[in-house]
Amino acid sequence: MQKTMPFMRTIVLMIPFLAASVVHLVALTVEADAVSTFTKPLLMLTLLAALLFALPRWRTEVALLASLALVFSWAGDVGISSSGDLSFLIALGFFLVAHVFYIVLFLRKLRKRRLSPWGLVYLAWWVALVAILAPHIGPLLIPVAIYGLVLGAMGAIALSCHRFIAIGGAVFVVSDTILGLREFLPGFELWQVHFVIMLSYLVAQGLIVFGIIRCAWGNDTLVAHSGALTTTEAV
């Protein structure tokens, strides 16, 4: 018999992450730089704590890969707060590694169905974004293009996982698209752009983690074996 995810327990465990997110977003809105700087490193740490305490077991591949994805996301959050191209590239590298861990996790443990042809939308998105940014991005074109390709792959593979993970992957792509346009496209303007970027980023990470927890408790966790989909009893 499948285990059932303790829904309310998971929500309670995510309260510190939700609280830190709200404080951070409000600080961005009112331009309270000291508060936003203080709360930013807490975001992924509180989400990591929620993940670990909500999982049924810690000593699993799911726990390891998801934790590594959040740790590298945390490093990216901290790194991208610094100014300069080098800091940006380092932060980009951290986020790229985080996406790689998510990709491995999705493919190895959380995939419910075959890769969807809708994943080609992410390929079209990548081509369009690179074409838009290429005239303005200079020597950062190659690393940004590589990052975008990995990000798009994460979003495409997420489509074959739980719906929360699929939605989270899509919102992650939206967040980083806005970030890329803000950083490199001259004349790009969006109301409260920092708020929108962080809101979408936090929603994305929260949905992905929630989906991971749901699957780890045995809810609709499917994997493909020899072209056929079979239900697994444990992750």
C-alpha atoms as a PDB file:
ATOM      1  CA  MET A   1       0.000   0.000   0.000  1.00  0.00           C
ATOM      2  CA  GLN A   2       1.327   3.429  -0.907  1.00  0.00           C
ATOM      3  CA  LYS A   3       2.281   5.872   1.741  1.00  0.00           C
ATOM      4  CA  THR A   4       0.432   9.167   1.802  1.00  0.00           C
ATOM      5  CA  MET A   5       2.279  12.437   1.910  1.00  0.00           C
ATOM      6  CA  PRO A   6       1.544  14.283   5.181  1.00  0.00           C
ATOM      7  CA  PHE A   7       0.150  17.363   3.440  1.00  0.00           C
ATOM      8  CA  MET A   8      -0.358  19.636   6.430  1.00  0.00           C
ATOM      9  CA  ARG A   9       2.990  18.615   7.949  1.00  0.00           C
ATOM     10  CA  THR A  10       4.711  19.578   4.711  1.00  0.00           C
ATOM     11  CA  ILE A  11       2.955  22.943   4.626  1.00  0.00           C
ATOM     12  CA  VAL A  12       3.939  23.598   8.248  1.00  0.00           C
ATOM     13  CA  LEU A  13       7.554  22.692   7.508  1.00  0.00           C
ATOM     14  CA  MET A  14       7.550  25.129   4.591  1.00  0.00           C
ATOM     15  CA  ILE A  15       6.342  28.052   6.738  1.00  0.00           C
ATOM     16  CA  PRO A  16       9.895  29.342   7.446  1.00  0.00           C
ATOM     17  CA  PHE A  17      10.593  29.343   3.689  1.00  0.00           C
ATOM     18  CA  LEU A  18       7.298  31.091   2.962  1.00  0.00           C
ATOM     19  CA  ALA A  19       7.907  33.647   5.715  1.00  0.00           C
ATOM     20  CA  ALA A  20      11.454  34.389   4.526  1.00  0.00           C
ATOM     21  CA  SER A  21      10.133  34.709   0.961  1.00  0.00           C
ATOM     22  CA  VAL A  22       7.411  37.182   1.943  1.00  0.00           C
ATOM     23  CA  VAL A  23       9.840  39.313   3.968  1.00  0.00           C
ATOM     24  CA  HIS A  24      12.359  39.271   1.113  1.00  0.00           C
ATOM     25  CA  LEU A  25       9.779  40.213  -1.512  1.00  0.00           C
ATOM     26  CA  VAL A  26       8.368  43.034   0.621  1.00  0.00           C
ATOM     27  CA  ALA A  27      11.898  44.306   1.204  1.00  0.00           C
ATOM     28  CA  LEU A  28      12.496  44.348  -2.543  1.00  0.00           C
ATOM     29  CA  THR A  29       9.255  46.259  -3.100  1.00  0.00           C
ATOM     30  CA  VAL A  30      10.028  48.978  -0.540  1.00  0.00           C
ATOM     31  CA  GLU A  31      13.756  48.965  -1.434  1.00  0.00           C
ATOM     32  CA  ALA A  32      14.861  47.947   2.047  1.00  0.00           C
ATOM     33  CA  ASP A  33      18.243  46.757   0.805  1.00  0.00           C
ATOM     34  CA  ALA A  34      19.593  45.691   4.201  1.00  0.00           C
ATOM     35  CA  VAL A  35      16.616  43.402   4.790  1.00  0.00           C
ATOM     36  CA  SER A  36      16.640  41.897   1.288  1.00  0.00           C
ATOM     37  CA  THR A  37      20.382  41.274   1.546  1.00  0.00           C
ATOM     38  CA  PHE A  38      19.926  39.577   4.922  1.00  0.00           C
ATOM     39  CA  THR A  39      17.010  37.374   3.860  1.00  0.00           C
ATOM     40  CA  LYS A  40      18.304  36.231   0.457  1.00  0.00           C
ATOM     41  CA  PRO A  41      20.724  33.593   1.821  1.00  0.00           C
ATOM     42  CA  LEU A  42      17.952  32.257   4.044  1.00  0.00           C
ATOM     43  CA  LEU A  43      15.602  31.405   1.187  1.00  0.00           C
ATOM     44  CA  MET A  44      17.132  28.180  -0.109  1.00  0.00           C
ATOM     45  CA  LEU A  45      18.364  27.184   3.354  1.00  0.00           C
ATOM     46  CA  THR A  46      14.839  27.229   4.761  1.00  0.00           C
ATOM     47  CA  LEU A  47      13.537  25.398   1.689  1.00  0.00           C
ATOM     48  CA  LEU A  48      16.278  22.778   2.095  1.00  0.00           C
ATOM     49  CA  ALA A  49      15.312  22.307   5.735  1.00  0.00           C
ATOM     50  CA  ALA A  50      11.662  21.875   4.728  1.00  0.00           C
ATOM     51  CA  LEU A  51      12.656  19.314   2.107  1.00  0.00           C
ATOM     52  CA  LEU A  52      14.764  17.216   4.459  1.00  0.00           C
ATOM     53  CA  PHE A  53      12.280  17.200   7.323  1.00  0.00           C
ATOM     54  CA  ALA A  54       9.352  16.479   5.003  1.00  0.00           C
ATOM     55  CA  LEU A  55      10.963  13.548   3.190  1.00  0.00           C
ATOM     56  CA  PRO A  56      10.142  10.080   4.540  1.00  0.00           C
ATOM     57  CA  ARG A  57      13.845   9.153   4.513  1.00  0.00           C
ATOM     58  CA  TRP A  58      17.093  11.090   4.199  1.00  0.00           C
ATOM     59  CA  ARG A  59      19.451   8.361   2.998  1.00  0.00           C
ATOM     60  CA  THR A  60      18.086   8.181  -0.526  1.00  0.00           C
ATOM     61  CA  GLU A  61      19.191   9.334  -3.935  1.00  0.00           C
ATOM     62  CA  VAL A  62      16.193  11.665  -4.083  1.00  0.00           C
ATOM     63  CA  ALA A  63      17.234  13.410  -0.864  1.00  0.00           C
ATOM     64  CA  LEU A  64      20.849  13.695  -2.025  1.00  0.00           C
ATOM     65  CA  LEU A  65      20.173  15.052  -5.519  1.00  0.00           C
ATOM     66  CA  ALA A  66      17.430  17.454  -4.406  1.00  0.00           C
ATOM     67  CA  SER A  67      19.613  18.740  -1.568  1.00  0.00           C
ATOM     68  CA  LEU A  68      22.550  19.319  -3.913  1.00  0.00           C
ATOM     69  CA  ALA A  69      20.287  21.222  -6.317  1.00  0.00           C
ATOM     70  CA  LEU A  70      19.167  23.517  -3.496  1.00  0.00           C
ATOM     71  CA  VAL A  71      22.691  23.958  -2.116  1.00  0.00           C
ATOM     72  CA  PHE A  72      23.995  25.059  -5.503  1.00  0.00           C
ATOM     73  CA  SER A  73      20.938  27.294  -5.944  1.00  0.00           C
ATOM     74  CA  TRP A  74      21.805  28.865  -2.595  1.00  0.00           C
ATOM     75  CA  ALA A  75      25.377  29.443  -3.799  1.00  0.00           C
ATOM     76  CA  GLY A  76      23.976  31.043  -6.944  1.00  0.00           C
ATOM     77  CA  ASP A  77      21.724  33.309  -4.902  1.00  0.00           C
ATOM     78  CA  VAL A  78      24.685  34.470  -2.825  1.00  0.00           C
ATOM     79  CA  GLY A  79      27.006  34.844  -5.805  1.00  0.00           C
ATOM     80  CA  ILE A  80      24.638  36.778  -8.028  1.00  0.00           C
ATOM     81  CA  SER A  81      24.243  39.439  -5.335  1.00  0.00           C
ATOM     82  CA  SER A  82      27.789  40.627  -6.111  1.00  0.00           C
ATOM     83  CA  SER A  83      28.460  42.971  -9.016  1.00  0.00           C
ATOM     84  CA  GLY A  84      30.683  42.314 -12.012  1.00  0.00           C
ATOM     85  CA  ASP A  85      30.837  39.843 -14.904  1.00  0.00           C
ATOM     86  CA  LEU A  86      33.001  37.372 -12.985  1.00  0.00           C
ATOM     87  CA  SER A  87      30.539  37.137 -10.099  1.00  0.00           C
ATOM     88  CA  PHE A  88      27.697  36.752 -12.582  1.00  0.00           C
ATOM     89  CA  LEU A  89      29.510  33.913 -14.372  1.00  0.00           C
ATOM     90  CA  ILE A  90      30.275  32.132 -11.102  1.00  0.00           C
ATOM     91  CA  ALA A  91      26.644  32.426 -10.010  1.00  0.00           C
ATOM     92  CA  LEU A  92      25.552  31.204 -13.446  1.00  0.00           C
ATOM     93  CA  GLY A  93      27.796  28.197 -13.001  1.00  0.00           C
ATOM     94  CA  PHE A  94      26.269  27.395  -9.628  1.00  0.00           C
ATOM     95  CA  PHE A  95      22.741  27.559 -11.035  1.00  0.00           C
ATOM     96  CA  LEU A  96      23.795  25.444 -14.022  1.00  0.00           C
ATOM     97  CA  VAL A  97      25.044  22.718 -11.669  1.00  0.00           C
ATOM     98  CA  ALA A  98      21.781  22.970  -9.711  1.00  0.00           C
ATOM     99  CA  HIS A  99      19.807  22.372 -12.918  1.00  0.00           C
ATOM    100  CA  VAL A 100      22.021  19.398 -13.774  1.00  0.00           C
ATOM    101  CA  PHE A 101      21.193  17.830 -10.399  1.00  0.00           C
ATOM    102  CA  TYR A 102      17.499  18.456 -11.019  1.00  0.00           C
ATOM    103  CA  ILE A 103      17.773  16.855 -14.470  1.00  0.00           C
ATOM    104  CA  VAL A 104      19.480  13.756 -13.072  1.00  0.00           C
ATOM    105  CA  LEU A 105      16.900  13.538 -10.290  1.00  0.00           C
ATOM    106  CA  PHE A 106      13.961  13.854 -12.691  1.00  0.00           C
ATOM    107  CA  LEU A 107      15.320  11.289 -15.137  1.00  0.00           C
ATOM    108  CA  ARG A 108      16.464   8.724 -12.577  1.00  0.00           C
ATOM    109  CA  LYS A 109      13.738   8.905  -9.945  1.00  0.00           C
ATOM    110  CA  LEU A 110      10.760  11.132 -10.663  1.00  0.00           C
ATOM    111  CA  ARG A 111       9.819  10.652 -14.303  1.00  0.00           C
ATOM    112  CA  LYS A 112       6.212   9.468 -14.653  1.00  0.00           C
ATOM    113  CA  ARG A 113       5.931   9.303 -18.416  1.00  0.00           C
ATOM    114  CA  ARG A 114       7.937   9.491 -21.604  1.00  0.00           C
ATOM    115  CA  LEU A 115       9.439  12.825 -22.576  1.00  0.00           C
ATOM    116  CA  SER A 116       6.711  15.044 -23.969  1.00  0.00           C
ATOM    117  CA  PRO A 117       6.889  16.509 -27.482  1.00  0.00           C
ATOM    118  CA  TRP A 118       5.819  19.761 -25.803  1.00  0.00           C
ATOM    119  CA  GLY A 119       9.405  19.909 -24.625  1.00  0.00           C
ATOM    120  CA  LEU A 120      10.270  21.237 -28.078  1.00  0.00           C
ATOM    121  CA  VAL A 121       8.695  24.508 -26.957  1.00  0.00           C
ATOM    122  CA  TYR A 122      11.707  24.947 -24.685  1.00  0.00           C
ATOM    123  CA  LEU A 123      14.042  24.442 -27.635  1.00  0.00           C
ATOM    124  CA  ALA A 124      12.177  27.158 -29.550  1.00  0.00           C
ATOM    125  CA  TRP A 125      12.374  29.397 -26.469  1.00  0.00           C
ATOM    126  CA  TRP A 126      16.138  28.869 -26.260  1.00  0.00           C
ATOM    127  CA  VAL A 127      16.716  29.681 -29.927  1.00  0.00           C
ATOM    128  CA  ALA A 128      14.590  32.824 -29.679  1.00  0.00           C
ATOM    129  CA  LEU A 129      16.239  34.046 -26.484  1.00  0.00           C
ATOM    130  CA  VAL A 130      19.765  33.517 -27.794  1.00  0.00           C
ATOM    131  CA  ALA A 131      18.840  35.342 -31.012  1.00  0.00           C
ATOM    132  CA  ILE A 132      17.453  38.285 -29.034  1.00  0.00           C
ATOM    133  CA  LEU A 133      20.403  38.562 -26.648  1.00  0.00           C
ATOM    134  CA  ALA A 134      23.266  37.717 -29.030  1.00  0.00           C
ATOM    135  CA  PRO A 135      23.778  41.252 -30.402  1.00  0.00           C
ATOM    136  CA  HIS A 136      24.061  42.700 -26.880  1.00  0.00           C
ATOM    137  CA  ILE A 137      25.762  40.093 -24.733  1.00  0.00           C
ATOM    138  CA  GLY A 138      29.326  40.144 -26.057  1.00  0.00           C
ATOM    139  CA  PRO A 139      31.755  37.554 -24.631  1.00  0.00           C
ATOM    140  CA  LEU A 140      29.094  36.168 -22.281  1.00  0.00           C
ATOM    141  CA  LEU A 141      27.140  34.739 -25.214  1.00  0.00           C
ATOM    142  CA  ILE A 142      28.549  31.204 -25.024  1.00  0.00           C
ATOM    143  CA  PRO A 143      28.186  30.696 -21.237  1.00  0.00           C
ATOM    144  CA  VAL A 144      24.709  32.224 -21.237  1.00  0.00           C
ATOM    145  CA  ALA A 145      23.679  30.082 -24.227  1.00  0.00           C
ATOM    146  CA  ILE A 146      24.972  26.930 -22.498  1.00  0.00           C
ATOM    147  CA  TYR A 147      23.138  27.851 -19.312  1.00  0.00           C
ATOM    148  CA  GLY A 148      19.945  28.485 -21.261  1.00  0.00           C
ATOM    149  CA  LEU A 149      20.223  25.121 -22.977  1.00  0.00           C
ATOM    150  CA  VAL A 150      20.575  23.304 -19.637  1.00  0.00           C
ATOM    151  CA  LEU A 151      17.730  25.342 -18.133  1.00  0.00           C
ATOM    152  CA  GLY A 152      15.496  24.518 -21.093  1.00  0.00           C
ATOM    153  CA  ALA A 153      16.387  20.836 -20.787  1.00  0.00           C
ATOM    154  CA  MET A 154      15.402  20.933 -17.123  1.00  0.00           C
ATOM    155  CA  GLY A 155      12.052  22.491 -18.025  1.00  0.00           C
ATOM    156  CA  ALA A 156      11.435  19.986 -20.822  1.00  0.00           C
ATOM    157  CA  ILE A 157      12.278  16.958 -18.669  1.00  0.00           C
ATOM    158  CA  ALA A 158      10.148  18.344 -15.825  1.00  0.00           C
ATOM    159  CA  LEU A 159       7.126  17.947 -18.121  1.00  0.00           C
ATOM    160  CA  SER A 160       7.435  14.180 -17.690  1.00  0.00           C
ATOM    161  CA  CYS A 161       7.290  14.458 -13.879  1.00  0.00           C
ATOM    162  CA  HIS A 162       4.607  15.387 -11.365  1.00  0.00           C
ATOM    163  CA  ARG A 163       2.537  18.407 -12.357  1.00  0.00           C
ATOM    164  CA  PHE A 164       3.980  20.547  -9.547  1.00  0.00           C
ATOM    165  CA  ILE A 165       7.479  19.844 -10.839  1.00  0.00           C
ATOM    166  CA  ALA A 166       6.415  20.563 -14.426  1.00  0.00           C
ATOM    167  CA  ILE A 167       4.879  23.899 -13.454  1.00  0.00           C
ATOM    168  CA  GLY A 168       7.877  24.752 -11.300  1.00  0.00           C
ATOM    169  CA  GLY A 169      10.235  24.056 -14.191  1.00  0.00           C
ATOM    170  CA  ALA A 170       8.232  26.323 -16.480  1.00  0.00           C
ATOM    171  CA  VAL A 171       8.132  29.155 -13.934  1.00  0.00           C
ATOM    172  CA  PHE A 172      11.897  28.790 -13.438  1.00  0.00           C
ATOM    173  CA  VAL A 173      12.380  29.368 -17.166  1.00  0.00           C
ATOM    174  CA  VAL A 174      10.158  32.454 -16.990  1.00  0.00           C
ATOM    175  CA  SER A 175      12.137  33.837 -14.051  1.00  0.00           C
ATOM    176  CA  ASP A 176      15.525  33.393 -15.709  1.00  0.00           C
ATOM    177  CA  THR A 177      14.220  34.741 -19.007  1.00  0.00           C
ATOM    178  CA  ILE A 178      13.216  37.984 -17.307  1.00  0.00           C
ATOM    179  CA  LEU A 179      16.581  38.060 -15.533  1.00  0.00           C
ATOM    180  CA  GLY A 180      18.427  37.638 -18.820  1.00  0.00           C
ATOM    181  CA  LEU A 181      16.406  40.348 -20.545  1.00  0.00           C
ATOM    182  CA  ARG A 182      16.958  42.723 -17.626  1.00  0.00           C
ATOM    183  CA  GLU A 183      20.698  42.094 -17.584  1.00  0.00           C
ATOM    184  CA  PHE A 184      21.448  42.227 -21.297  1.00  0.00           C
ATOM    185  CA  LEU A 185      18.641  43.693 -23.408  1.00  0.00           C
ATOM    186  CA  PRO A 186      18.901  47.493 -23.740  1.00  0.00           C
ATOM    187  CA  GLY A 187      15.652  49.302 -23.061  1.00  0.00           C
ATOM    188  CA  PHE A 188      13.978  46.346 -21.373  1.00  0.00           C
ATOM    189  CA  GLU A 189      11.651  47.598 -18.661  1.00  0.00           C
ATOM    190  CA  LEU A 190       9.262  45.818 -16.354  1.00  0.00           C
ATOM    191  CA  TRP A 191       7.399  47.098 -13.310  1.00  0.00           C
ATOM    192  CA  GLN A 192       9.127  45.928 -10.120  1.00  0.00           C
ATOM    193  CA  VAL A 193      11.438  43.708 -12.160  1.00  0.00           C
ATOM    194  CA  HIS A 194      13.483  42.514  -9.153  1.00  0.00           C
ATOM    195  CA  PHE A 195      10.272  41.583  -7.350  1.00  0.00           C
ATOM    196  CA  VAL A 196       8.923  39.691 -10.393  1.00  0.00           C
ATOM    197  CA  ILE A 197      12.176  37.787 -10.888  1.00  0.00           C
ATOM    198  CA  MET A 198      12.409  36.715  -7.260  1.00  0.00           C
ATOM    199  CA  LEU A 199       8.698  35.939  -6.939  1.00  0.00           C
ATOM    200  CA  SER A 200       8.780  33.626  -9.954  1.00  0.00           C
ATOM    201  CA  TYR A 201      12.073  32.069  -8.801  1.00  0.00           C
ATOM    202  CA  LEU A 202      10.722  31.314  -5.329  1.00  0.00           C
ATOM    203  CA  VAL A 203       7.445  29.945  -6.703  1.00  0.00           C
ATOM    204  CA  ALA A 204       9.443  27.722  -9.070  1.00  0.00           C
ATOM    205  CA  GLN A 205      11.722  26.319  -6.394  1.00  0.00           C
ATOM    206  CA  GLY A 206       8.840  25.869  -3.957  1.00  0.00           C
ATOM    207  CA  LEU A 207       6.723  23.964  -6.493  1.00  0.00           C
ATOM    208  CA  ILE A 208       9.610  21.729  -7.525  1.00  0.00           C
ATOM    209  CA  VAL A 209      10.415  20.848  -3.922  1.00  0.00           C
ATOM    210  CA  PHE A 210       6.745  20.269  -3.109  1.00  0.00           C
ATOM    211  CA  GLY A 211       6.494  17.935  -6.096  1.00  0.00           C
ATOM    212  CA  ILE A 212       9.635  16.084  -5.032  1.00  0.00           C
ATOM    213  CA  ILE A 213       8.224  15.567  -1.537  1.00  0.00           C
ATOM    214  CA  ARG A 214       4.920  14.346  -2.940  1.00  0.00           C
ATOM    215  CA  CYS A 215       6.671  11.821  -5.158  1.00  0.00           C
ATOM    216  CA  ALA A 216       9.026  10.705  -2.391  1.00  0.00           C
ATOM    217  CA  TRP A 217       6.024   9.686  -0.299  1.00  0.00           C
ATOM    218  CA  GLY A 218       4.932   7.333  -3.073  1.00  0.00           C
ATOM    219  CA  ASN A 219       2.273   9.454  -4.755  1.00  0.00           C
ATOM    220  CA  ASP A 220       2.218   8.649  -8.479  1.00  0.00           C
ATOM    221  CA  THR A 221       5.969   8.031  -8.692  1.00  0.00           C
ATOM    222  CA  LEU A 222       6.559   6.238 -11.987  1.00  0.00           C
ATOM    223  CA  VAL A 223       9.674   5.302 -13.887  1.00  0.00           C
ATOM    224  CA  ALA A 224      10.236   3.895 -17.346  1.00  0.00           C
ATOM    225  CA  HIS A 225      11.682   0.420 -17.786  1.00  0.00           C
ATOM    226  CA  SER A 226      12.277  -1.021 -21.241  1.00  0.00           C
ATOM    227  CA  GLY A 227       9.816   1.406 -22.801  1.00  0.00           C
ATOM    228  CA  ALA A 228       7.014   0.533 -20.378  1.00  0.00           C
ATOM    229  CA  LEU A 229       5.960   2.580 -17.357  1.00  0.00           C
ATOM    230  CA  THR A 230       5.833   0.775 -14.024  1.00  0.00           C
ATOM    231  CA  THR A 231       4.966   1.941 -10.543  1.00  0.00           C
ATOM    232  CA  THR A 232       7.714   1.954  -7.948  1.00  0.00           C
ATOM    233  CA  GLU A 233       7.009   1.217  -4.315  1.00  0.00           C
ATOM    234  CA  ALA A 234       9.722   3.509  -3.003  1.00  0.00           C
ATOM    235  CA  VAL A 235      11.937   6.278  -4.304  1.00  0.00           C
END
